[in-house]
N, C-alpha and C. Protein backbone atom coordinates (compact mmCIF):
# COMPACT_ATOMS: atom_id res chain seq x y z
N MET A 1 143.38 115.86 55.82
CA MET A 1 142.86 114.51 56.22
C MET A 1 142.80 114.45 57.97
N ILE A 2 143.76 115.36 58.66
CA ILE A 2 143.59 115.44 60.17
C ILE A 2 142.30 116.11 60.53
N LEU A 3 141.96 116.99 59.64
CA LEU A 3 140.50 117.87 59.94
C LEU A 3 139.62 117.10 59.69
N LEU A 4 139.41 116.34 58.58
CA LEU A 4 138.65 115.13 58.20
C LEU A 4 138.47 114.20 59.47
N GLN A 5 139.48 113.71 60.08
CA GLN A 5 139.63 112.77 61.06
C GLN A 5 139.03 113.38 62.22
N TYR A 6 139.34 114.76 62.53
CA TYR A 6 138.66 115.34 63.65
C TYR A 6 137.25 115.38 63.77
N LEU A 7 136.65 115.86 62.37
CA LEU A 7 135.35 116.05 62.40
C LEU A 7 134.48 114.79 62.71
N ASN A 8 134.87 113.69 62.24
CA ASN A 8 134.69 112.50 62.32
C ASN A 8 134.75 111.80 63.97
N TYR A 9 135.56 112.53 64.80
CA TYR A 9 135.68 112.29 65.97
C TYR A 9 134.80 113.07 66.74
N VAL A 10 134.64 114.39 66.30
CA VAL A 10 133.34 115.26 67.03
C VAL A 10 132.07 114.40 66.62
N ARG A 11 131.82 114.23 65.48
CA ARG A 11 130.57 113.65 65.10
C ARG A 11 130.04 112.53 66.04
N ALA A 12 131.04 111.54 65.83
CA ALA A 12 131.04 110.32 66.88
C ALA A 12 130.86 110.70 68.48
N LYS A 13 131.51 111.57 68.61
CA LYS A 13 131.33 111.74 70.08
C LYS A 13 130.05 112.45 70.35
N SER A 14 129.63 113.20 69.55
CA SER A 14 128.22 113.87 69.75
C SER A 14 127.19 112.89 69.54
N CYS A 15 127.57 111.90 68.55
CA CYS A 15 126.13 110.79 68.61
C CYS A 15 126.39 110.08 70.01
N TYR A 16 127.67 109.73 70.58
CA TYR A 16 127.38 109.06 71.74
C TYR A 16 127.10 109.79 73.09
N LEU A 17 127.21 111.20 72.76
CA LEU A 17 126.83 111.61 73.88
C LEU A 17 125.20 112.11 74.02
N ILE A 18 124.61 112.16 72.66
CA ILE A 18 123.26 112.03 72.50
C ILE A 18 122.59 110.59 72.98
N LEU A 19 123.13 109.66 72.44
CA LEU A 19 122.84 108.37 72.81
C LEU A 19 122.81 107.98 74.48
N PHE A 20 123.69 108.45 75.05
CA PHE A 20 123.86 108.49 76.54
C PHE A 20 122.98 109.41 77.17
N SER A 21 122.72 110.57 76.84
CA SER A 21 121.72 111.22 77.36
C SER A 21 120.11 110.89 77.32
N LEU A 22 120.24 110.15 75.89
CA LEU A 22 118.89 109.71 76.06
C LEU A 22 118.83 108.42 76.77
N PHE A 23 119.78 107.52 76.90
CA PHE A 23 119.73 106.22 77.77
C PHE A 23 119.61 106.88 79.10
N VAL A 24 120.17 108.07 79.67
CA VAL A 24 119.88 108.35 81.27
C VAL A 24 118.78 109.08 81.27
N LEU A 25 118.06 109.62 80.07
CA LEU A 25 116.80 109.95 80.48
C LEU A 25 115.64 108.87 80.65
N VAL A 26 116.23 107.87 79.88
CA VAL A 26 115.04 106.88 80.11
C VAL A 26 115.13 105.88 81.05
N SER A 27 116.35 105.88 81.41
CA SER A 27 116.77 105.12 82.77
C SER A 27 116.56 105.71 84.22
N CYS A 28 116.48 107.07 84.19
CA CYS A 28 116.08 107.78 85.20
C CYS A 28 114.77 108.40 85.17
N ASP A 29 114.08 108.03 84.30
CA ASP A 29 112.52 108.34 84.13
C ASP A 29 111.84 107.56 85.35
N PRO A 30 111.22 108.20 86.27
CA PRO A 30 110.57 107.57 87.27
C PRO A 30 109.27 106.81 86.96
N GLU A 31 108.98 105.53 87.54
CA GLU A 31 108.02 104.99 87.31
C GLU A 31 106.34 105.55 87.43
N PRO A 32 105.33 105.48 86.45
CA PRO A 32 104.17 106.33 86.34
C PRO A 32 103.52 106.07 87.77
N GLN A 33 103.28 107.03 88.32
CA GLN A 33 102.71 107.08 89.60
C GLN A 33 101.68 106.18 89.62
N TYR A 34 100.71 106.16 88.68
CA TYR A 34 99.45 105.42 88.70
C TYR A 34 99.61 104.42 87.45
N LYS A 35 98.77 103.34 87.78
CA LYS A 35 98.81 102.03 86.93
C LYS A 35 97.45 102.31 85.88
N GLY A 36 96.63 102.82 86.00
CA GLY A 36 95.52 102.89 85.38
C GLY A 36 95.85 104.28 84.01
N THR A 37 94.73 104.59 83.46
CA THR A 37 95.10 105.56 82.28
C THR A 37 94.60 106.91 83.27
N VAL A 38 95.58 107.89 83.14
CA VAL A 38 95.03 109.44 84.08
C VAL A 38 94.17 109.92 83.01
N LEU A 39 93.22 110.58 83.67
CA LEU A 39 92.43 111.43 82.88
C LEU A 39 92.59 112.73 83.06
N ASN A 40 92.80 113.77 82.30
CA ASN A 40 93.18 115.19 82.67
C ASN A 40 91.81 115.99 82.04
N ASN A 41 91.02 116.48 82.83
CA ASN A 41 89.76 117.59 82.49
C ASN A 41 88.83 116.49 81.92
N HIS A 42 88.73 115.28 82.58
CA HIS A 42 87.37 114.62 82.29
C HIS A 42 86.09 115.26 82.76
N ASP A 43 85.13 115.37 81.91
CA ASP A 43 83.81 116.08 82.00
C ASP A 43 83.03 115.22 82.41
N SER A 44 83.10 114.86 83.73
CA SER A 44 82.64 114.04 84.62
C SER A 44 81.16 114.42 85.05
N TYR A 45 79.96 114.16 84.07
CA TYR A 45 78.52 114.45 84.58
C TYR A 45 78.43 114.10 85.92
N ARG A 46 77.79 115.28 86.57
CA ARG A 46 77.36 114.92 87.99
C ARG A 46 75.69 114.41 88.11
N PHE A 47 75.75 113.23 89.02
CA PHE A 47 74.31 113.17 88.93
C PHE A 47 73.93 112.72 90.58
N ALA A 48 72.55 112.64 90.67
CA ALA A 48 71.90 112.27 91.92
C ALA A 48 70.97 111.60 91.66
N LEU A 49 71.09 110.07 92.02
CA LEU A 49 69.87 109.20 91.84
C LEU A 49 70.06 108.63 92.95
N LYS A 50 68.61 107.40 93.28
CA LYS A 50 68.72 106.56 94.51
C LYS A 50 69.19 105.50 94.03
N ASP A 51 69.48 104.51 94.93
CA ASP A 51 70.30 103.38 95.09
C ASP A 51 69.37 102.33 95.25
N HIS A 52 69.79 101.01 95.45
CA HIS A 52 68.94 99.81 95.70
C HIS A 52 68.39 100.21 97.12
N SER A 53 69.07 100.69 98.27
CA SER A 53 68.59 101.09 99.54
C SER A 53 67.65 101.99 99.55
N ASN A 54 67.59 103.04 98.51
CA ASN A 54 66.42 104.24 98.40
C ASN A 54 67.41 105.24 99.05
N ARG A 55 68.67 105.30 98.88
CA ARG A 55 69.77 106.58 99.48
C ARG A 55 69.83 106.96 98.27
N LEU A 56 69.95 108.48 98.29
CA LEU A 56 70.18 109.46 97.33
C LEU A 56 71.80 109.53 96.87
N ILE A 57 72.04 109.08 95.90
CA ILE A 57 73.86 109.16 95.87
C ILE A 57 73.87 110.23 94.98
N ASP A 58 74.91 111.04 95.37
CA ASP A 58 75.22 112.38 94.62
C ASP A 58 76.65 111.99 94.21
N SER A 59 76.92 112.03 92.87
CA SER A 59 78.50 111.68 92.47
C SER A 59 79.43 112.79 92.91
N GLY A 60 78.74 113.96 93.21
CA GLY A 60 79.86 115.09 93.10
C GLY A 60 80.14 115.28 94.67
N ASN A 61 79.18 114.53 95.88
CA ASN A 61 79.30 114.45 96.97
C ASN A 61 78.79 113.69 97.93
N HIS A 62 79.85 112.43 97.33
CA HIS A 62 80.07 111.04 97.99
C HIS A 62 80.44 110.83 99.31
N GLY A 63 81.00 111.95 99.99
CA GLY A 63 81.30 111.74 101.44
C GLY A 63 82.93 111.26 101.45
N SER A 64 83.71 110.85 100.85
CA SER A 64 84.76 110.30 100.83
C SER A 64 86.06 111.05 99.89
N ASN A 65 87.26 110.87 99.90
CA ASN A 65 88.20 111.59 99.23
C ASN A 65 88.43 110.62 97.97
N VAL A 66 87.85 109.46 97.70
CA VAL A 66 88.12 108.83 96.57
C VAL A 66 86.71 108.05 96.54
N ALA A 67 86.13 107.60 95.27
CA ALA A 67 85.14 106.64 94.91
C ALA A 67 85.18 105.90 93.83
N ILE A 68 84.56 104.56 93.56
CA ILE A 68 84.83 103.85 92.54
C ILE A 68 83.64 104.06 91.75
N LEU A 69 83.48 103.73 90.48
CA LEU A 69 82.38 104.16 89.62
C LEU A 69 82.54 103.15 88.53
N SER A 70 81.42 102.14 88.22
CA SER A 70 81.51 101.44 87.23
C SER A 70 79.68 101.17 86.74
N PHE A 71 79.57 100.27 85.74
CA PHE A 71 78.49 99.98 84.86
C PHE A 71 78.23 98.63 84.64
N LEU A 72 76.99 98.16 85.24
CA LEU A 72 76.50 96.78 85.27
C LEU A 72 75.14 96.71 84.81
N PHE A 73 74.61 95.15 84.85
CA PHE A 73 73.25 95.12 84.90
C PHE A 73 72.94 93.77 85.70
N THR A 74 71.84 93.72 86.35
CA THR A 74 71.69 92.52 87.02
C THR A 74 71.60 91.16 86.51
N GLU A 75 71.11 91.09 85.39
CA GLU A 75 71.17 89.85 84.53
C GLU A 75 72.32 89.35 83.76
N CYS A 76 73.69 90.19 83.80
CA CYS A 76 74.58 89.80 83.40
C CYS A 76 75.34 88.82 84.06
N THR A 77 75.57 87.75 83.11
CA THR A 77 76.28 86.39 83.15
C THR A 77 77.98 86.64 82.86
N ASP A 78 78.42 87.19 82.12
CA ASP A 78 79.63 87.32 81.58
C ASP A 78 80.61 88.47 82.63
N VAL A 79 80.79 89.53 81.85
CA VAL A 79 81.63 90.66 82.46
C VAL A 79 81.38 91.14 83.67
N CYS A 80 79.92 91.21 84.09
CA CYS A 80 79.75 91.99 85.27
C CYS A 80 80.19 91.28 86.52
N PRO A 81 79.93 89.95 86.46
CA PRO A 81 80.21 89.21 87.70
C PRO A 81 82.04 89.20 87.93
N ILE A 82 82.56 89.48 86.90
CA ILE A 82 84.08 89.51 86.97
C ILE A 82 84.40 90.97 87.30
N ILE A 83 83.73 91.87 87.06
CA ILE A 83 84.11 93.44 87.44
C ILE A 83 83.76 93.48 89.12
N THR A 84 82.38 92.86 89.40
CA THR A 84 81.93 92.93 90.65
C THR A 84 83.14 92.43 91.57
N ASN A 85 83.60 91.26 91.19
CA ASN A 85 84.73 90.44 92.04
C ASN A 85 86.04 90.92 91.93
N THR A 86 86.39 91.78 90.90
CA THR A 86 87.47 92.53 90.68
C THR A 86 87.66 93.53 91.82
N ILE A 87 86.66 94.57 91.58
CA ILE A 87 86.55 95.73 92.48
C ILE A 87 86.32 95.09 94.00
N ARG A 88 85.76 94.12 94.37
CA ARG A 88 85.68 93.80 95.80
C ARG A 88 86.93 93.20 96.24
N LYS A 89 87.34 92.34 95.49
CA LYS A 89 88.77 91.93 96.01
C LYS A 89 89.97 92.92 95.98
N SER A 90 89.88 93.75 95.00
CA SER A 90 90.99 94.98 95.21
C SER A 90 90.66 95.92 96.36
N LEU A 91 89.44 96.22 96.61
CA LEU A 91 88.88 96.86 98.04
C LEU A 91 89.70 96.18 99.22
N SER A 92 89.34 94.85 99.05
CA SER A 92 89.75 93.96 100.53
C SER A 92 91.43 94.12 101.00
N ASN A 93 92.10 94.84 99.71
CA ASN A 93 93.56 95.11 100.21
C ASN A 93 93.60 96.48 100.27
N VAL A 94 92.63 97.49 100.61
CA VAL A 94 92.75 98.79 101.06
C VAL A 94 92.41 99.03 102.34
N PRO A 95 93.08 99.90 103.08
CA PRO A 95 92.74 99.83 104.50
C PRO A 95 91.34 101.01 104.42
N ASP A 96 90.58 100.72 105.51
CA ASP A 96 89.38 101.49 105.86
C ASP A 96 88.50 101.48 104.18
N SER A 97 88.35 100.16 103.51
CA SER A 97 87.77 100.25 102.31
C SER A 97 86.53 100.38 102.54
N ASP A 98 85.74 100.09 103.86
CA ASP A 98 84.22 100.12 103.91
C ASP A 98 83.90 101.95 103.92
N LYS A 99 85.02 102.66 103.61
CA LYS A 99 84.50 104.16 103.64
C LYS A 99 84.27 104.61 102.47
N ILE A 100 84.86 103.68 101.41
CA ILE A 100 85.06 103.93 100.16
C ILE A 100 83.87 103.52 99.32
N PRO A 101 82.97 104.97 99.02
CA PRO A 101 82.02 104.48 98.06
C PRO A 101 82.25 103.96 96.65
N VAL A 102 81.31 102.66 96.37
CA VAL A 102 81.47 102.05 95.35
C VAL A 102 80.19 102.18 94.31
N ILE A 103 80.00 102.89 93.45
CA ILE A 103 78.66 103.28 92.56
C ILE A 103 78.64 102.54 91.63
N ILE A 104 77.24 101.83 91.44
CA ILE A 104 77.24 100.83 90.26
C ILE A 104 76.00 101.68 89.47
N VAL A 105 76.27 101.96 88.10
CA VAL A 105 75.30 102.62 87.43
C VAL A 105 74.71 101.47 86.46
N SER A 106 73.47 101.44 86.42
CA SER A 106 72.86 100.42 85.50
C SER A 106 72.77 100.50 84.35
N VAL A 107 72.86 99.86 83.41
CA VAL A 107 73.01 100.03 81.95
C VAL A 107 71.76 99.43 81.29
N ASP A 108 70.73 98.62 82.15
CA ASP A 108 69.60 98.33 81.81
C ASP A 108 68.50 98.69 82.68
N PRO A 109 68.08 99.74 82.84
CA PRO A 109 67.05 100.33 83.79
C PRO A 109 65.58 99.65 83.66
N GLU A 110 65.44 99.24 82.71
CA GLU A 110 64.07 98.41 82.29
C GLU A 110 64.01 97.09 83.18
N ASN A 111 65.18 96.50 83.48
CA ASN A 111 65.01 95.44 84.09
C ASN A 111 65.80 95.25 85.29
N ASP A 112 66.35 96.40 85.82
CA ASP A 112 67.01 96.39 86.93
C ASP A 112 66.40 97.09 87.99
N SER A 113 65.24 96.45 88.08
CA SER A 113 64.24 96.95 89.29
C SER A 113 64.73 96.72 90.73
N LEU A 114 64.45 97.77 91.46
CA LEU A 114 64.53 97.90 93.00
C LEU A 114 64.95 96.22 93.43
N GLU A 115 64.00 95.32 93.50
CA GLU A 115 64.25 94.07 93.95
C GLU A 115 65.28 93.41 93.24
N ASN A 116 65.25 93.35 91.97
CA ASN A 116 66.48 92.88 91.30
C ASN A 116 68.17 93.36 91.69
N ARG A 117 68.14 94.57 91.90
CA ARG A 117 69.21 94.86 92.28
C ARG A 117 69.54 94.70 93.75
N ASN A 118 68.53 94.66 94.63
CA ASN A 118 68.83 94.19 95.91
C ASN A 118 69.18 92.49 96.04
N GLN A 119 68.56 91.83 95.00
CA GLN A 119 69.24 90.52 95.14
C GLN A 119 70.68 90.36 94.39
N PHE A 120 70.98 91.11 93.54
CA PHE A 120 72.19 91.38 93.14
C PHE A 120 73.32 91.86 94.18
N ILE A 121 73.05 92.80 94.91
CA ILE A 121 73.71 93.12 96.12
C ILE A 121 73.82 92.03 97.27
N LYS A 122 72.87 91.32 97.44
CA LYS A 122 72.92 89.80 98.31
C LYS A 122 73.60 89.17 97.78
N LYS A 123 73.36 88.73 96.78
CA LYS A 123 74.03 87.73 95.88
C LYS A 123 75.52 87.66 96.13
N TRP A 124 76.24 88.53 95.59
CA TRP A 124 77.33 89.04 95.95
C TRP A 124 78.03 89.49 97.18
N ASN A 125 76.99 89.60 98.30
CA ASN A 125 77.49 89.80 99.62
C ASN A 125 78.27 91.13 99.71
N LEU A 126 77.72 92.23 99.14
CA LEU A 126 78.24 93.58 98.88
C LEU A 126 77.97 94.31 100.42
N ASP A 127 78.95 95.20 100.87
CA ASP A 127 78.68 96.09 101.79
C ASP A 127 78.10 97.04 101.60
N THR A 128 77.63 97.84 102.49
CA THR A 128 76.60 98.88 102.63
C THR A 128 77.36 100.12 101.77
N ASN A 129 78.96 100.16 101.57
CA ASN A 129 79.31 101.26 100.88
C ASN A 129 79.19 101.07 99.38
N TRP A 130 78.37 99.83 98.93
CA TRP A 130 78.25 99.64 97.72
C TRP A 130 76.66 100.24 97.36
N SER A 131 76.85 100.88 96.20
CA SER A 131 75.24 101.59 95.94
C SER A 131 75.15 101.15 94.50
N PHE A 132 73.94 100.46 94.15
CA PHE A 132 73.61 100.05 92.81
C PHE A 132 72.54 101.16 92.34
N ILE A 133 72.72 102.15 91.29
CA ILE A 133 71.67 103.03 91.25
C ILE A 133 70.87 102.95 89.59
N SER A 134 69.80 103.27 89.85
CA SER A 134 69.12 103.13 88.56
C SER A 134 67.87 104.22 88.21
N GLY A 135 67.35 104.61 87.44
CA GLY A 135 66.50 105.31 87.12
C GLY A 135 65.98 105.30 85.83
N PRO A 136 65.12 106.32 85.22
CA PRO A 136 64.70 106.55 83.97
C PRO A 136 65.80 106.47 82.99
N ARG A 137 65.38 105.61 81.70
CA ARG A 137 66.71 105.80 80.91
C ARG A 137 67.17 107.43 80.47
N GLU A 138 66.31 108.19 80.52
CA GLU A 138 66.77 109.68 79.91
C GLU A 138 67.53 110.33 81.25
N ASP A 139 67.29 109.95 82.57
CA ASP A 139 68.45 110.25 83.54
C ASP A 139 69.89 109.65 83.27
N LEU A 140 69.91 108.21 82.87
CA LEU A 140 71.03 107.57 82.90
C LEU A 140 71.87 108.07 81.65
N ILE A 141 70.96 108.19 80.44
CA ILE A 141 71.73 108.54 79.31
C ILE A 141 73.09 109.69 79.21
N PRO A 142 72.94 110.84 80.13
CA PRO A 142 73.98 111.69 80.19
C PRO A 142 75.11 111.13 81.06
N ILE A 143 74.89 110.22 81.94
CA ILE A 143 75.75 109.51 82.56
C ILE A 143 76.79 108.61 81.47
N TRP A 144 75.87 107.69 80.77
CA TRP A 144 76.62 107.05 80.25
C TRP A 144 77.72 107.32 79.04
N ASN A 145 76.97 108.75 78.29
CA ASN A 145 77.60 109.36 77.75
C ASN A 145 78.76 109.95 78.22
N SER A 146 78.77 110.52 79.09
CA SER A 146 79.95 111.28 80.09
C SER A 146 81.09 110.02 80.28
N TYR A 147 80.82 108.89 80.54
CA TYR A 147 81.53 108.15 80.84
C TYR A 147 82.06 106.80 79.46
N PHE A 148 81.67 107.37 78.44
CA PHE A 148 81.70 106.42 77.40
C PHE A 148 81.11 105.24 77.35
N ILE A 149 80.06 104.96 77.80
CA ILE A 149 79.33 103.52 77.86
C ILE A 149 78.13 103.78 76.80
N ASN A 150 77.89 102.82 75.99
CA ASN A 150 76.96 102.80 74.97
C ASN A 150 76.44 101.44 75.05
N PRO A 151 75.60 101.21 75.70
CA PRO A 151 74.68 99.95 76.50
C PRO A 151 73.85 99.73 75.00
N GLN A 152 74.01 98.34 74.42
CA GLN A 152 73.00 98.20 73.43
C GLN A 152 72.53 96.81 73.44
N LYS A 153 71.12 96.95 73.54
CA LYS A 153 70.07 95.57 73.68
C LYS A 153 70.04 94.94 72.70
N TYR A 154 70.11 93.45 72.72
CA TYR A 154 70.14 92.25 71.75
C TYR A 154 69.37 91.22 72.57
N ASP A 155 68.88 90.60 71.31
CA ASP A 155 68.04 89.41 71.78
C ASP A 155 68.79 88.15 71.31
N VAL A 156 69.14 87.42 72.31
CA VAL A 156 70.14 86.25 72.22
C VAL A 156 69.53 84.51 72.33
N PRO A 157 69.66 83.93 71.30
CA PRO A 157 68.71 82.89 71.10
C PRO A 157 69.60 81.88 71.88
N ILE A 158 68.69 81.05 73.05
CA ILE A 158 69.13 80.16 73.90
C ILE A 158 68.41 79.01 73.65
N GLN A 159 69.07 77.77 73.65
CA GLN A 159 68.45 76.49 73.65
C GLN A 159 67.75 75.93 74.68
N LYS A 160 66.57 75.25 74.72
CA LYS A 160 65.80 74.84 75.91
C LYS A 160 66.61 73.70 76.01
N GLY A 161 66.25 73.23 77.36
CA GLY A 161 66.54 71.91 78.05
C GLY A 161 65.38 70.95 77.75
N GLY A 162 65.58 69.39 78.13
CA GLY A 162 64.42 68.72 78.14
C GLY A 162 64.31 68.16 76.74
N VAL A 163 63.12 67.87 76.49
CA VAL A 163 62.61 67.32 75.20
C VAL A 163 62.77 68.69 74.24
N GLU A 164 62.33 69.90 74.43
CA GLU A 164 62.25 70.68 73.82
C GLU A 164 63.65 70.79 72.97
N GLY A 165 64.96 70.48 73.96
CA GLY A 165 66.06 70.76 73.49
C GLY A 165 66.49 69.64 72.47
N ILE A 166 65.75 68.65 72.27
CA ILE A 166 66.15 67.48 71.47
C ILE A 166 65.69 68.12 69.83
N ASN A 167 64.62 68.61 70.06
CA ASN A 167 64.07 69.56 68.77
C ASN A 167 64.69 70.61 68.35
N ASN A 168 65.80 71.23 69.18
CA ASN A 168 66.73 72.25 68.91
C ASN A 168 65.60 73.44 68.88
N ALA A 169 64.70 73.38 70.08
CA ALA A 169 63.72 74.62 70.04
C ALA A 169 64.47 75.65 70.91
N LEU A 170 64.32 77.10 70.39
CA LEU A 170 65.29 78.20 70.62
C LEU A 170 64.06 79.09 71.43
N LEU A 171 64.79 79.95 72.43
CA LEU A 171 64.22 81.08 73.06
C LEU A 171 64.95 81.96 72.79
N GLU A 172 64.40 83.33 72.94
CA GLU A 172 65.18 84.28 73.10
C GLU A 172 65.21 85.39 74.38
N LYS A 173 66.63 85.25 74.74
CA LYS A 173 66.58 86.04 75.75
C LYS A 173 67.36 87.41 75.70
N GLU A 174 67.05 88.54 76.36
CA GLU A 174 67.52 89.61 76.15
C GLU A 174 68.67 89.82 76.91
N THR A 175 69.72 90.64 76.34
CA THR A 175 70.92 90.80 77.02
C THR A 175 71.51 92.24 76.63
N VAL A 176 72.47 92.92 77.50
CA VAL A 176 73.07 94.09 77.01
C VAL A 176 74.55 94.11 76.83
N ILE A 177 74.88 94.45 75.57
CA ILE A 177 76.29 94.63 75.35
C ILE A 177 76.84 95.95 75.73
N HIS A 178 78.02 95.96 76.72
CA HIS A 178 78.34 97.54 76.98
C HIS A 178 79.74 97.35 77.35
N SER A 179 80.17 98.31 77.30
CA SER A 179 81.85 98.60 77.87
C SER A 179 81.54 98.38 79.47
N SER A 180 82.84 98.11 80.10
CA SER A 180 82.80 97.79 81.55
C SER A 180 83.98 98.59 82.01
N PRO A 181 84.11 99.75 81.95
CA PRO A 181 85.59 100.35 82.89
C PRO A 181 85.23 100.54 84.06
N VAL A 182 85.97 100.68 85.16
CA VAL A 182 86.33 100.83 86.39
C VAL A 182 86.94 102.49 86.50
N TYR A 183 86.00 103.41 87.21
CA TYR A 183 86.67 104.78 87.11
C TYR A 183 87.07 104.83 88.43
N ILE A 184 88.07 105.65 88.92
CA ILE A 184 88.57 106.35 90.17
C ILE A 184 87.86 107.64 90.01
N LEU A 185 87.11 108.08 91.07
CA LEU A 185 86.68 109.59 91.30
C LEU A 185 87.35 110.12 92.40
N ASN A 186 87.42 111.47 92.14
CA ASN A 186 88.35 112.10 93.30
C ASN A 186 87.11 112.55 94.38
N ASP A 187 87.56 113.53 95.37
CA ASP A 187 86.46 113.64 96.47
C ASP A 187 85.40 114.67 95.96
N ILE A 188 85.34 115.42 94.57
CA ILE A 188 84.18 116.10 94.05
C ILE A 188 83.59 115.35 92.86
N GLY A 189 83.90 113.95 92.79
CA GLY A 189 83.17 113.31 91.92
C GLY A 189 83.90 113.39 90.12
N VAL A 190 84.96 113.85 90.41
CA VAL A 190 85.63 114.13 88.94
C VAL A 190 86.45 112.86 88.79
N ALA A 191 86.04 111.96 87.39
CA ALA A 191 87.07 110.93 87.12
C ALA A 191 88.63 111.26 87.00
N LYS A 192 89.36 110.73 87.65
CA LYS A 192 90.89 110.83 87.67
C LYS A 192 91.65 109.68 86.89
N LEU A 193 91.10 108.61 87.17
CA LEU A 193 91.85 107.29 86.55
C LEU A 193 90.77 106.38 86.07
N VAL A 194 91.12 105.55 85.04
CA VAL A 194 90.03 104.71 84.58
C VAL A 194 91.19 103.27 84.22
N HIS A 195 90.50 102.07 84.60
CA HIS A 195 90.88 101.01 84.20
C HIS A 195 90.13 100.01 83.51
N THR A 196 90.42 99.45 82.43
CA THR A 196 89.79 99.20 81.31
C THR A 196 90.16 97.45 81.35
N ASN A 197 89.27 96.72 80.80
CA ASN A 197 89.59 95.08 80.64
C ASN A 197 90.71 94.51 79.75
N PRO A 198 91.57 93.95 80.17
CA PRO A 198 91.43 93.04 81.65
C PRO A 198 91.66 93.77 82.89
N ILE A 199 91.10 94.08 83.85
CA ILE A 199 91.47 94.78 84.79
C ILE A 199 92.47 93.74 85.79
N ASP A 200 93.42 94.48 86.28
CA ASP A 200 94.47 93.81 86.98
C ASP A 200 94.06 94.20 88.62
N LYS A 201 93.54 93.42 89.51
CA LYS A 201 93.28 93.61 90.79
C LYS A 201 94.59 94.38 91.64
N GLU A 202 95.64 94.05 91.60
CA GLU A 202 96.82 94.54 92.14
C GLU A 202 96.82 95.71 91.82
N ALA A 203 96.65 96.11 90.39
CA ALA A 203 97.12 97.57 89.91
C ALA A 203 96.05 98.64 90.18
N LEU A 204 94.74 98.11 90.62
CA LEU A 204 93.34 98.93 90.71
C LEU A 204 93.42 99.18 92.43
N THR A 205 94.03 97.88 93.02
CA THR A 205 94.31 98.38 94.48
C THR A 205 95.26 99.48 94.68
N GLN A 206 96.38 99.32 93.89
CA GLN A 206 97.44 100.55 94.38
C GLN A 206 96.97 101.50 93.91
N ASP A 207 96.09 101.92 92.78
CA ASP A 207 95.94 103.29 92.54
C ASP A 207 94.48 103.85 93.33
N ILE A 208 93.85 103.07 93.95
CA ILE A 208 92.97 103.52 95.10
C ILE A 208 93.45 103.93 96.19
N ILE A 209 94.71 103.23 96.52
CA ILE A 209 95.60 103.69 97.94
C ILE A 209 96.24 105.05 97.50
N ARG A 210 96.90 105.19 96.26
CA ARG A 210 97.26 106.60 96.07
C ARG A 210 96.34 107.43 96.01
N MET A 211 95.37 107.31 95.14
CA MET A 211 94.29 108.47 95.16
C MET A 211 93.81 108.98 96.42
N LYS A 212 93.58 107.67 97.39
CA LYS A 212 92.82 107.67 98.77
C LYS A 212 93.85 108.87 99.38
N ASN A 213 95.12 108.30 99.13
CA ASN A 213 96.39 108.95 100.35
C ASN A 213 96.78 110.51 99.70
N ASN A 214 96.05 110.72 98.62
CA ASN A 214 96.34 112.12 98.02
C ASN A 214 95.64 113.27 98.66
């Protein structure tokens, strides 16, 4: 009987010690260094294409210890403005943000002409550290694949205004459905972090600063 009580005591004490150890481990576990998803050994495709200002942008030699990469198109009216504004506001809280390259890769090269890309930059009042690049579709596909972007074109019906609208006459407008992650690249253009929708501006700011200071 005494032996049984002793064994129960040892068993209970062992369980307590295990639970306590787990509690300590959880309690003392430091906060993750980064807010976004950390990428290990990401196969970041290196590219060199011209941007809206005819500058050759080399993702592997961008001239900073950190760079931002995302994927948009000029006629986008939903997620692209949100992503653009999020990046812009996040950078506004980063010291020397004008030295951090922001590389936007087109997901609609057929319509993202030089003129349209320049209008986009002007519309959003984006600084010279922003580069909106495009090129032949065959040059962009390896970039899209490397960063898990799969743009798909669709014809979306839109209703006319005026008299035609009364008759419910429809037009078709081409749009592009695509994912819209924001990547943070290191000094040699390798993606180390990714933020996905919905993107928290403060979290993105913190990660940019941490990467910048590493």
